[in-house]
């Protein structure tokens, strides 16, 4: 087995350090993307919270509909279905907004790196 000399180890360490250092532009670009990720997480979290509240209301209406029966039950089921659908739309909207934030940040990061 070959022995690695101390100068060779030092050279490899310096090479590895040079490869991992970021330029200021790369650091700024990474910071933009990180901030966008956090903002996107907040947007999705808020949408999920709102959607969960609507789904809970829908569940309550479905329970009331089961107890009520008849036309009243049908009306309550219709409201519950509408709330479920609205919750789905809110989740989709949150995902779309979060995706747009991420896409904009990636585009800006590419612009910063290109300078």
N, C-alpha and C. Protein backbone atom coordinates (compact mmCIF):
# COMPACT_ATOMS: atom_id res chain seq x y z
N UNK A 1 0.85 -1.17 0.00
CA UNK A 1 0.00 0.00 0.00
C UNK A 1 0.89 1.23 0.00
N UNK A 2 0.54 2.21 -0.82
CA UNK A 2 1.34 3.42 -0.91
C UNK A 2 1.08 4.32 0.28
N UNK A 3 2.09 5.04 0.66
CA UNK A 3 1.95 6.00 1.76
C UNK A 3 1.76 7.39 1.18
N UNK A 4 0.82 8.10 1.74
CA UNK A 4 0.58 9.47 1.31
C UNK A 4 1.46 10.38 2.14
N UNK A 5 2.17 11.24 1.46
CA UNK A 5 3.08 12.13 2.17
C UNK A 5 2.33 13.31 2.74
N UNK A 6 2.92 13.93 3.73
CA UNK A 6 2.31 15.09 4.38
C UNK A 6 2.09 16.23 3.39
N UNK A 7 3.02 16.55 2.50
CA UNK A 7 2.76 17.62 1.54
C UNK A 7 1.57 17.29 0.62
N UNK A 8 1.40 16.03 0.27
CA UNK A 8 0.27 15.65 -0.58
C UNK A 8 -1.04 15.84 0.16
N UNK A 9 -1.06 15.50 1.43
CA UNK A 9 -2.27 15.69 2.24
C UNK A 9 -2.60 17.18 2.35
N UNK A 10 -1.57 17.98 2.58
CA UNK A 10 -1.78 19.42 2.69
C UNK A 10 -2.31 20.00 1.38
N UNK A 11 -1.77 19.53 0.28
CA UNK A 11 -2.24 20.01 -1.02
C UNK A 11 -3.69 19.62 -1.26
N UNK A 12 -4.06 18.42 -0.91
CA UNK A 12 -5.46 17.98 -1.06
C UNK A 12 -6.39 18.79 -0.17
N UNK A 13 -5.96 19.09 1.03
CA UNK A 13 -6.78 19.89 1.95
C UNK A 13 -7.00 21.29 1.39
N UNK A 14 -5.93 21.89 0.85
CA UNK A 14 -6.06 23.22 0.27
C UNK A 14 -6.96 23.20 -0.96
N UNK A 15 -6.85 22.17 -1.76
CA UNK A 15 -7.69 22.03 -2.94
C UNK A 15 -9.16 21.89 -2.54
N UNK A 16 -9.42 21.09 -1.54
CA UNK A 16 -10.79 20.90 -1.06
C UNK A 16 -11.35 22.20 -0.51
N UNK A 17 -10.55 22.95 0.22
CA UNK A 17 -11.00 24.23 0.77
C UNK A 17 -11.29 25.22 -0.34
N UNK A 18 -10.48 25.24 -1.36
CA UNK A 18 -10.68 26.16 -2.47
C UNK A 18 -11.95 25.82 -3.24
N UNK A 19 -12.26 24.56 -3.34
CA UNK A 19 -13.45 24.13 -4.07
C UNK A 19 -14.73 24.46 -3.31
N UNK A 20 -14.68 24.52 -2.00
CA UNK A 20 -15.89 24.74 -1.23
C UNK A 20 -16.15 26.20 -0.91
N UNK A 21 -15.19 27.07 -1.16
CA UNK A 21 -15.41 28.49 -0.87
C UNK A 21 -16.35 29.07 -1.91
N UNK A 22 -17.28 29.90 -1.43
CA UNK A 22 -18.23 30.54 -2.32
C UNK A 22 -17.78 31.95 -2.63
N UNK A 23 -18.02 32.35 -3.86
CA UNK A 23 -17.79 33.73 -4.20
C UNK A 23 -18.89 34.57 -3.54
N UNK A 24 -18.68 35.88 -3.42
CA UNK A 24 -19.75 36.72 -2.85
C UNK A 24 -21.06 36.59 -3.63
N UNK A 25 -20.97 36.50 -4.95
CA UNK A 25 -22.19 36.36 -5.75
C UNK A 25 -22.89 35.04 -5.45
N UNK A 26 -22.12 33.96 -5.32
CA UNK A 26 -22.72 32.66 -5.00
C UNK A 26 -23.36 32.68 -3.61
N UNK A 27 -22.69 33.35 -2.67
CA UNK A 27 -23.23 33.45 -1.32
C UNK A 27 -24.53 34.25 -1.32
N UNK A 28 -24.57 35.35 -2.07
CA UNK A 28 -25.80 36.15 -2.16
C UNK A 28 -26.92 35.36 -2.82
N UNK A 29 -26.57 34.63 -3.87
CA UNK A 29 -27.57 33.82 -4.56
C UNK A 29 -28.12 32.74 -3.64
N UNK A 30 -27.25 32.11 -2.89
CA UNK A 30 -27.69 31.07 -1.96
C UNK A 30 -28.58 31.66 -0.87
N UNK A 31 -28.24 32.85 -0.41
CA UNK A 31 -29.06 33.51 0.61
C UNK A 31 -30.45 33.84 0.07
N UNK A 32 -30.51 34.28 -1.19
CA UNK A 32 -31.81 34.56 -1.81
C UNK A 32 -32.67 33.31 -1.86
N UNK A 33 -32.07 32.21 -2.28
CA UNK A 33 -32.81 30.96 -2.40
C UNK A 33 -33.25 30.47 -1.02
N UNK A 34 -32.38 30.57 -0.03
CA UNK A 34 -32.74 30.15 1.34
C UNK A 34 -33.90 30.98 1.89
N UNK A 35 -33.84 32.29 1.67
CA UNK A 35 -34.92 33.17 2.15
C UNK A 35 -36.24 32.83 1.44
N UNK A 36 -36.16 32.54 0.16
CA UNK A 36 -37.36 32.17 -0.59
C UNK A 36 -37.94 30.86 -0.09
N UNK A 37 -37.08 29.91 0.24
CA UNK A 37 -37.55 28.63 0.78
C UNK A 37 -38.32 28.85 2.09
N UNK A 38 -37.78 29.71 2.94
CA UNK A 38 -38.46 30.00 4.21
C UNK A 38 -39.80 30.69 3.96
N UNK A 39 -39.81 31.64 3.04
CA UNK A 39 -41.06 32.34 2.72
C UNK A 39 -42.07 31.38 2.13
N UNK A 40 -41.63 30.50 1.25
CA UNK A 40 -42.53 29.52 0.64
C UNK A 40 -43.10 28.58 1.69
N UNK A 41 -42.28 28.17 2.65
CA UNK A 41 -42.77 27.32 3.74
C UNK A 41 -43.85 28.03 4.54
N UNK A 42 -43.66 29.33 4.79
CA UNK A 42 -44.66 30.10 5.53
C UNK A 42 -45.96 30.20 4.74
N UNK A 43 -45.84 30.43 3.45
CA UNK A 43 -47.04 30.54 2.60
C UNK A 43 -47.81 29.22 2.61
N UNK A 44 -47.10 28.12 2.43
CA UNK A 44 -47.77 26.81 2.43
C UNK A 44 -48.35 26.49 3.79
N UNK A 45 -47.65 26.87 4.85
CA UNK A 45 -48.15 26.63 6.19
C UNK A 45 -49.43 27.39 6.47
N UNK A 46 -49.48 28.65 6.04
CA UNK A 46 -50.69 29.46 6.23
C UNK A 46 -51.86 28.89 5.44
N UNK A 47 -51.58 28.45 4.22
CA UNK A 47 -52.63 27.84 3.40
C UNK A 47 -53.14 26.55 4.02
N UNK A 48 -52.23 25.75 4.53
CA UNK A 48 -52.62 24.49 5.18
C UNK A 48 -53.46 24.74 6.42
N UNK A 49 -53.10 25.75 7.19
CA UNK A 49 -53.86 26.09 8.39
C UNK A 49 -55.28 26.51 8.03
N UNK A 50 -55.39 27.36 7.01
CA UNK A 50 -56.72 27.81 6.58
C UNK A 50 -57.53 26.65 6.02
N UNK A 51 -56.90 25.81 5.23
CA UNK A 51 -57.60 24.66 4.64
C UNK A 51 -58.04 23.68 5.72
N UNK A 52 -57.19 23.46 6.72
CA UNK A 52 -57.56 22.55 7.81
C UNK A 52 -58.79 23.04 8.56
N UNK A 53 -58.87 24.36 8.77
CA UNK A 53 -60.03 24.92 9.45
C UNK A 53 -61.31 24.66 8.64
N UNK A 54 -61.21 24.84 7.34
CA UNK A 54 -62.38 24.60 6.49
C UNK A 54 -62.76 23.12 6.47
N UNK A 55 -61.76 22.26 6.45
CA UNK A 55 -62.05 20.82 6.46
C UNK A 55 -62.70 20.40 7.78
N UNK A 56 -62.29 21.01 8.87
CA UNK A 56 -62.93 20.73 10.16
C UNK A 56 -64.39 21.17 10.14
N UNK A 57 -64.65 22.34 9.56
CA UNK A 57 -66.03 22.80 9.44
C UNK A 57 -66.84 21.84 8.58
N UNK A 58 -66.24 21.36 7.51
CA UNK A 58 -66.92 20.42 6.62
C UNK A 58 -67.25 19.13 7.36
N UNK A 59 -66.30 18.65 8.15
CA UNK A 59 -66.55 17.43 8.93
C UNK A 59 -67.71 17.61 9.89
N UNK A 60 -67.77 18.76 10.53
CA UNK A 60 -68.87 19.04 11.45
C UNK A 60 -70.21 19.08 10.72
N UNK A 61 -70.21 19.70 9.55
CA UNK A 61 -71.45 19.75 8.77
C UNK A 61 -71.88 18.37 8.30
N UNK A 62 -70.93 17.54 7.94
CA UNK A 62 -71.26 16.17 7.52
C UNK A 62 -71.87 15.38 8.67
N UNK A 63 -71.35 15.59 9.86
CA UNK A 63 -71.92 14.92 11.04
C UNK A 63 -73.34 15.41 11.29
N UNK A 64 -73.55 16.71 11.16
CA UNK A 64 -74.90 17.27 11.33
C UNK A 64 -75.84 16.74 10.25
N UNK A 65 -75.32 16.61 9.03
CA UNK A 65 -76.14 16.12 7.93
C UNK A 65 -76.59 14.69 8.17
N UNK A 66 -75.69 13.88 8.73
CA UNK A 66 -76.05 12.49 9.04
C UNK A 66 -77.17 12.43 10.07
N UNK A 67 -77.10 13.33 11.02
CA UNK A 67 -78.13 13.35 12.07
C UNK A 67 -79.44 13.93 11.57
N UNK A 68 -79.36 14.92 10.68
CA UNK A 68 -80.56 15.63 10.25
C UNK A 68 -81.37 14.82 9.24
N UNK A 69 -80.66 14.25 8.26
CA UNK A 69 -81.38 13.50 7.23
C UNK A 69 -82.25 14.42 6.37
N UNK A 70 -82.95 13.83 5.43
CA UNK A 70 -83.88 14.56 4.58
C UNK A 70 -83.21 15.68 3.79
N UNK A 71 -84.03 16.69 3.46
CA UNK A 71 -83.53 17.83 2.70
C UNK A 71 -82.53 18.65 3.49
N UNK A 72 -82.75 18.75 4.76
CA UNK A 72 -81.80 19.49 5.61
C UNK A 72 -80.44 18.81 5.55
N UNK A 73 -80.42 17.50 5.64
CA UNK A 73 -79.17 16.76 5.54
C UNK A 73 -78.50 16.94 4.19
N UNK A 74 -79.29 16.96 3.12
CA UNK A 74 -78.74 17.18 1.78
C UNK A 74 -78.11 18.56 1.66
N UNK A 75 -78.79 19.56 2.22
CA UNK A 75 -78.24 20.92 2.19
C UNK A 75 -76.93 20.99 2.95
N UNK A 76 -76.88 20.35 4.12
CA UNK A 76 -75.66 20.37 4.92
C UNK A 76 -74.52 19.63 4.22
N UNK A 77 -74.84 18.52 3.55
CA UNK A 77 -73.82 17.79 2.78
C UNK A 77 -73.27 18.67 1.65
N UNK A 78 -74.16 19.41 1.01
CA UNK A 78 -73.75 20.30 -0.08
C UNK A 78 -72.78 21.36 0.44
N UNK A 79 -73.10 21.93 1.59
CA UNK A 79 -72.20 22.93 2.19
C UNK A 79 -70.86 22.30 2.57
N UNK A 80 -70.91 21.09 3.12
CA UNK A 80 -69.68 20.40 3.50
C UNK A 80 -68.81 20.13 2.28
N UNK A 81 -69.44 19.68 1.20
CA UNK A 81 -68.68 19.43 -0.04
C UNK A 81 -68.05 20.71 -0.57
N UNK A 82 -68.79 21.81 -0.49
CA UNK A 82 -68.25 23.09 -0.95
C UNK A 82 -67.05 23.52 -0.10
N UNK A 83 -67.14 23.32 1.20
CA UNK A 83 -66.01 23.67 2.08
C UNK A 83 -64.80 22.79 1.80
N UNK A 84 -65.02 21.52 1.56
CA UNK A 84 -63.91 20.62 1.20
C UNK A 84 -63.25 21.07 -0.09
N UNK A 85 -64.06 21.43 -1.07
CA UNK A 85 -63.52 21.88 -2.36
C UNK A 85 -62.75 23.19 -2.18
N UNK A 86 -63.30 24.10 -1.39
CA UNK A 86 -62.62 25.37 -1.13
C UNK A 86 -61.27 25.12 -0.45
N UNK A 87 -61.24 24.20 0.48
CA UNK A 87 -59.99 23.86 1.17
C UNK A 87 -58.96 23.34 0.18
N UNK A 88 -59.40 22.50 -0.75
CA UNK A 88 -58.48 21.98 -1.78
C UNK A 88 -57.92 23.11 -2.64
N UNK A 89 -58.78 24.06 -2.99
CA UNK A 89 -58.35 25.19 -3.80
C UNK A 89 -57.34 26.05 -3.03
N UNK A 90 -57.59 26.25 -1.76
CA UNK A 90 -56.66 27.04 -0.94
C UNK A 90 -55.30 26.36 -0.87
N UNK A 91 -55.30 25.04 -0.71
CA UNK A 91 -54.02 24.30 -0.69
C UNK A 91 -53.30 24.43 -2.03
N UNK A 92 -54.04 24.29 -3.12
CA UNK A 92 -53.44 24.43 -4.46
C UNK A 92 -52.88 25.84 -4.65
N UNK A 93 -53.63 26.83 -4.20
CA UNK A 93 -53.19 28.21 -4.34
C UNK A 93 -51.92 28.45 -3.52
N UNK A 94 -51.87 27.91 -2.32
CA UNK A 94 -50.67 28.06 -1.49
C UNK A 94 -49.45 27.43 -2.14
N UNK A 95 -49.64 26.24 -2.71
CA UNK A 95 -48.54 25.58 -3.40
C UNK A 95 -48.08 26.39 -4.61
N UNK A 96 -49.05 26.96 -5.35
CA UNK A 96 -48.70 27.75 -6.53
C UNK A 96 -47.95 29.03 -6.13
N UNK A 97 -48.42 29.70 -5.09
CA UNK A 97 -47.74 30.91 -4.62
C UNK A 97 -46.33 30.58 -4.13
N UNK A 98 -46.21 29.50 -3.38
CA UNK A 98 -44.89 29.09 -2.87
C UNK A 98 -43.96 28.76 -4.03
N UNK A 99 -44.47 28.07 -5.02
CA UNK A 99 -43.67 27.75 -6.19
C UNK A 99 -43.22 28.99 -6.94
N UNK A 100 -44.12 29.98 -7.04
CA UNK A 100 -43.76 31.22 -7.72
C UNK A 100 -42.66 31.97 -6.96
N UNK A 101 -42.74 31.96 -5.64
CA UNK A 101 -41.70 32.61 -4.83
C UNK A 101 -40.36 31.93 -5.06
N UNK A 102 -40.37 30.61 -5.05
CA UNK A 102 -39.13 29.86 -5.27
C UNK A 102 -38.57 30.10 -6.67
N UNK A 103 -39.45 30.09 -7.67
CA UNK A 103 -39.01 30.31 -9.05
C UNK A 103 -38.41 31.70 -9.22
N UNK A 104 -39.05 32.69 -8.63
CA UNK A 104 -38.53 34.06 -8.73
C UNK A 104 -37.17 34.18 -8.05
N UNK A 105 -37.01 33.53 -6.92
CA UNK A 105 -35.73 33.58 -6.21
C UNK A 105 -34.64 32.87 -7.00
N UNK A 106 -34.97 31.74 -7.60
CA UNK A 106 -33.97 31.03 -8.41
C UNK A 106 -33.56 31.87 -9.61
N UNK A 107 -34.52 32.55 -10.24
CA UNK A 107 -34.20 33.41 -11.38
C UNK A 107 -33.30 34.57 -10.93
N UNK A 108 -33.63 35.18 -9.81
CA UNK A 108 -32.81 36.26 -9.28
C UNK A 108 -31.42 35.75 -8.90
N UNK A 109 -31.35 34.56 -8.33
CA UNK A 109 -30.06 33.98 -7.96
C UNK A 109 -29.21 33.74 -9.21
N UNK A 110 -29.83 33.26 -10.27
CA UNK A 110 -29.10 33.06 -11.52
C UNK A 110 -28.59 34.40 -12.07
N UNK A 111 -29.42 35.44 -11.94
CA UNK A 111 -29.01 36.77 -12.40
C UNK A 111 -27.83 37.27 -11.58
N UNK A 112 -27.87 37.08 -10.27
CA UNK A 112 -26.79 37.52 -9.39
C UNK A 112 -25.50 36.77 -9.72
N UNK A 113 -25.59 35.47 -9.95
CA UNK A 113 -24.40 34.68 -10.28
C UNK A 113 -23.80 35.08 -11.63
N UNK A 114 -24.66 35.52 -12.54
CA UNK A 114 -24.21 35.84 -13.91
C UNK A 114 -23.45 37.17 -13.98
N UNK A 115 -23.57 37.97 -12.96
CA UNK A 115 -22.87 39.28 -12.99
C UNK A 115 -21.40 39.12 -12.98
